[in-house]
Amino acid sequence: MNKFLKGILLLLPYIFMVLGFAIYNRVNPQLGGLPFFYWYQLLWIFLAAGLTFTVYTLESREYDMKKVRS
């Protein structure tokens, strides 16, 4: 996987959180009594952690493969 795609995966949550303010600046729909504003941000915390872990895993595998080849 190239570095550009990994960078996109790492920047995706922050682009949606910072530039997507108009998307989540509302109350409805509610989920479990929580306004959209709160649960949308909480969802992106978990998505960002998952994407970061994915990129970390890919980088680790590539590093290990380079180590094996040399």
N, C-alpha and C. Protein backbone atom coordinates (compact mmCIF):
# COMPACT_ATOMS: atom_id res chain seq x y z
N MET A 1 0.86 -1.17 0.00
CA MET A 1 0.00 0.00 0.00
C MET A 1 0.91 1.24 0.00
N ASN A 2 0.59 2.19 -0.84
CA ASN A 2 1.47 3.35 -0.95
C ASN A 2 1.24 4.35 0.19
N LYS A 3 2.21 5.25 0.34
CA LYS A 3 2.18 6.21 1.44
C LYS A 3 1.02 7.19 1.31
N PHE A 4 0.64 7.52 0.10
CA PHE A 4 -0.46 8.46 -0.10
C PHE A 4 -1.77 7.91 0.47
N LEU A 5 -2.05 6.65 0.18
CA LEU A 5 -3.28 6.02 0.68
C LEU A 5 -3.26 5.90 2.20
N LYS A 6 -2.10 5.59 2.76
CA LYS A 6 -1.98 5.52 4.22
C LYS A 6 -2.21 6.90 4.84
N GLY A 7 -1.70 7.92 4.20
CA GLY A 7 -1.92 9.29 4.70
C GLY A 7 -3.39 9.67 4.65
N ILE A 8 -4.07 9.28 3.59
CA ILE A 8 -5.51 9.54 3.49
C ILE A 8 -6.26 8.84 4.61
N LEU A 9 -5.91 7.59 4.88
CA LEU A 9 -6.56 6.84 5.97
C LEU A 9 -6.35 7.52 7.31
N LEU A 10 -5.17 8.09 7.53
CA LEU A 10 -4.90 8.76 8.79
C LEU A 10 -5.58 10.14 8.88
N LEU A 11 -5.74 10.80 7.76
CA LEU A 11 -6.34 12.14 7.77
C LEU A 11 -7.86 12.12 7.70
N LEU A 12 -8.43 11.04 7.23
CA LEU A 12 -9.87 10.97 7.05
C LEU A 12 -10.70 11.37 8.28
N PRO A 13 -10.41 10.84 9.46
CA PRO A 13 -11.22 11.24 10.62
C PRO A 13 -11.11 12.72 10.94
N TYR A 14 -9.93 13.26 10.79
CA TYR A 14 -9.72 14.66 11.14
C TYR A 14 -10.36 15.60 10.12
N ILE A 15 -10.38 15.18 8.87
CA ILE A 15 -11.06 15.98 7.85
C ILE A 15 -12.55 16.06 8.17
N PHE A 16 -13.14 14.92 8.51
CA PHE A 16 -14.57 14.90 8.83
C PHE A 16 -14.87 15.64 10.13
N MET A 17 -13.97 15.60 11.09
CA MET A 17 -14.23 16.26 12.37
C MET A 17 -14.05 17.77 12.27
N VAL A 18 -13.04 18.22 11.56
CA VAL A 18 -12.76 19.66 11.49
C VAL A 18 -13.54 20.33 10.37
N LEU A 19 -13.47 19.78 9.18
CA LEU A 19 -14.11 20.43 8.05
C LEU A 19 -15.59 20.06 7.92
N GLY A 20 -15.99 19.00 8.58
CA GLY A 20 -17.38 18.57 8.49
C GLY A 20 -18.26 19.09 9.61
N PHE A 21 -17.91 20.23 10.18
CA PHE A 21 -18.68 20.77 11.30
C PHE A 21 -20.15 20.96 10.95
N ALA A 22 -20.43 21.36 9.75
CA ALA A 22 -21.83 21.57 9.34
C ALA A 22 -22.61 20.26 9.34
N ILE A 23 -21.91 19.14 9.20
CA ILE A 23 -22.58 17.84 9.19
C ILE A 23 -23.11 17.50 10.57
N TYR A 24 -22.30 17.73 11.61
CA TYR A 24 -22.70 17.26 12.94
C TYR A 24 -23.14 18.38 13.87
N ASN A 25 -23.34 19.57 13.39
CA ASN A 25 -23.80 20.68 14.21
C ASN A 25 -25.33 20.69 14.26
N ARG A 26 -25.89 19.63 14.85
CA ARG A 26 -27.34 19.51 14.99
C ARG A 26 -27.66 18.56 16.13
N VAL A 27 -28.91 18.53 16.52
CA VAL A 27 -29.33 17.71 17.65
C VAL A 27 -29.91 16.39 17.19
N ASN A 28 -30.74 16.40 16.16
CA ASN A 28 -31.40 15.18 15.69
C ASN A 28 -30.62 14.55 14.57
N PRO A 29 -30.59 13.26 14.43
CA PRO A 29 -31.29 12.23 15.18
C PRO A 29 -30.56 11.92 16.49
N GLN A 30 -31.30 11.46 17.44
CA GLN A 30 -30.73 11.07 18.72
C GLN A 30 -30.52 9.56 18.75
N LEU A 31 -29.51 9.14 19.47
CA LEU A 31 -29.20 7.72 19.61
C LEU A 31 -29.04 7.43 21.10
N GLY A 32 -29.98 6.70 21.64
CA GLY A 32 -29.94 6.39 23.07
C GLY A 32 -30.05 7.62 23.95
N GLY A 33 -30.76 8.63 23.48
CA GLY A 33 -30.92 9.86 24.24
C GLY A 33 -29.79 10.86 24.04
N LEU A 34 -28.74 10.46 23.33
CA LEU A 34 -27.64 11.38 23.06
C LEU A 34 -27.89 12.12 21.75
N PRO A 35 -27.71 13.44 21.76
CA PRO A 35 -27.87 14.19 20.51
C PRO A 35 -26.82 13.76 19.47
N PHE A 36 -27.15 13.97 18.23
CA PHE A 36 -26.27 13.61 17.11
C PHE A 36 -24.88 14.19 17.29
N PHE A 37 -24.78 15.42 17.76
CA PHE A 37 -23.50 16.11 17.96
C PHE A 37 -22.54 15.26 18.78
N TYR A 38 -23.02 14.64 19.84
CA TYR A 38 -22.16 13.87 20.73
C TYR A 38 -21.83 12.48 20.19
N TRP A 39 -22.85 11.75 19.73
CA TRP A 39 -22.55 10.38 19.32
C TRP A 39 -21.78 10.34 18.00
N TYR A 40 -21.92 11.35 17.15
CA TYR A 40 -21.14 11.41 15.91
C TYR A 40 -19.66 11.57 16.23
N GLN A 41 -19.35 12.46 17.17
CA GLN A 41 -17.96 12.66 17.56
C GLN A 41 -17.39 11.43 18.25
N LEU A 42 -18.18 10.80 19.10
CA LEU A 42 -17.75 9.58 19.77
C LEU A 42 -17.49 8.46 18.77
N LEU A 43 -18.33 8.35 17.77
CA LEU A 43 -18.14 7.35 16.72
C LEU A 43 -16.80 7.56 16.01
N TRP A 44 -16.46 8.81 15.71
CA TRP A 44 -15.21 9.08 15.01
C TRP A 44 -13.99 8.80 15.87
N ILE A 45 -14.12 8.85 17.18
CA ILE A 45 -13.00 8.48 18.03
C ILE A 45 -12.64 7.02 17.79
N PHE A 46 -13.66 6.16 17.78
CA PHE A 46 -13.42 4.74 17.55
C PHE A 46 -12.97 4.46 16.11
N LEU A 47 -13.56 5.17 15.15
CA LEU A 47 -13.14 4.99 13.75
C LEU A 47 -11.69 5.43 13.55
N ALA A 48 -11.31 6.55 14.17
CA ALA A 48 -9.93 7.04 14.05
C ALA A 48 -8.96 6.04 14.65
N ALA A 49 -9.31 5.47 15.80
CA ALA A 49 -8.45 4.46 16.42
C ALA A 49 -8.32 3.24 15.51
N GLY A 50 -9.42 2.82 14.91
CA GLY A 50 -9.39 1.67 14.01
C GLY A 50 -8.55 1.93 12.77
N LEU A 51 -8.70 3.12 12.19
CA LEU A 51 -7.91 3.46 11.00
C LEU A 51 -6.42 3.58 11.33
N THR A 52 -6.12 4.16 12.48
CA THR A 52 -4.73 4.28 12.90
C THR A 52 -4.11 2.90 13.12
N PHE A 53 -4.87 2.00 13.75
CA PHE A 53 -4.39 0.64 13.95
C PHE A 53 -4.18 -0.08 12.62
N THR A 54 -5.06 0.16 11.67
CA THR A 54 -4.92 -0.45 10.35
C THR A 54 -3.64 0.00 9.67
N VAL A 55 -3.38 1.30 9.68
CA VAL A 55 -2.16 1.82 9.06
C VAL A 55 -0.93 1.31 9.80
N TYR A 56 -0.99 1.26 11.12
CA TYR A 56 0.13 0.73 11.91
C TYR A 56 0.42 -0.72 11.54
N THR A 57 -0.63 -1.53 11.43
CA THR A 57 -0.47 -2.93 11.07
C THR A 57 0.14 -3.08 9.68
N LEU A 58 -0.34 -2.31 8.74
CA LEU A 58 0.21 -2.36 7.38
C LEU A 58 1.68 -1.96 7.36
N GLU A 59 2.02 -0.91 8.09
CA GLU A 59 3.41 -0.46 8.16
C GLU A 59 4.29 -1.53 8.80
N SER A 60 3.79 -2.15 9.86
CA SER A 60 4.57 -3.20 10.54
C SER A 60 4.82 -4.38 9.61
N ARG A 61 3.80 -4.78 8.86
CA ARG A 61 3.98 -5.89 7.93
C ARG A 61 4.98 -5.55 6.84
N GLU A 62 4.91 -4.33 6.32
CA GLU A 62 5.85 -3.92 5.27
C GLU A 62 7.27 -3.89 5.83
N TYR A 63 7.43 -3.40 7.04
CA TYR A 63 8.75 -3.34 7.67
C TYR A 63 9.30 -4.75 7.87
N ASP A 64 8.45 -5.65 8.34
CA ASP A 64 8.88 -7.02 8.55
C ASP A 64 9.27 -7.69 7.23
N MET A 65 8.50 -7.42 6.17
CA MET A 65 8.83 -8.00 4.87
C MET A 65 10.16 -7.47 4.34
N LYS A 66 10.45 -6.19 4.57
CA LYS A 66 11.72 -5.64 4.14
C LYS A 66 12.87 -6.25 4.93
N LYS A 67 12.63 -6.51 6.21
CA LYS A 67 13.65 -7.14 7.05
C LYS A 67 13.96 -8.55 6.59
N VAL A 68 12.93 -9.30 6.20
CA VAL A 68 13.09 -10.68 5.76
C VAL A 68 13.86 -10.73 4.45
N ARG A 69 13.56 -9.80 3.55
CA ARG A 69 14.20 -9.79 2.23
C ARG A 69 15.68 -9.46 2.29
N SER A 70 16.10 -8.66 3.29
CA SER A 70 17.51 -8.27 3.33
C SER A 70 18.36 -9.17 4.15
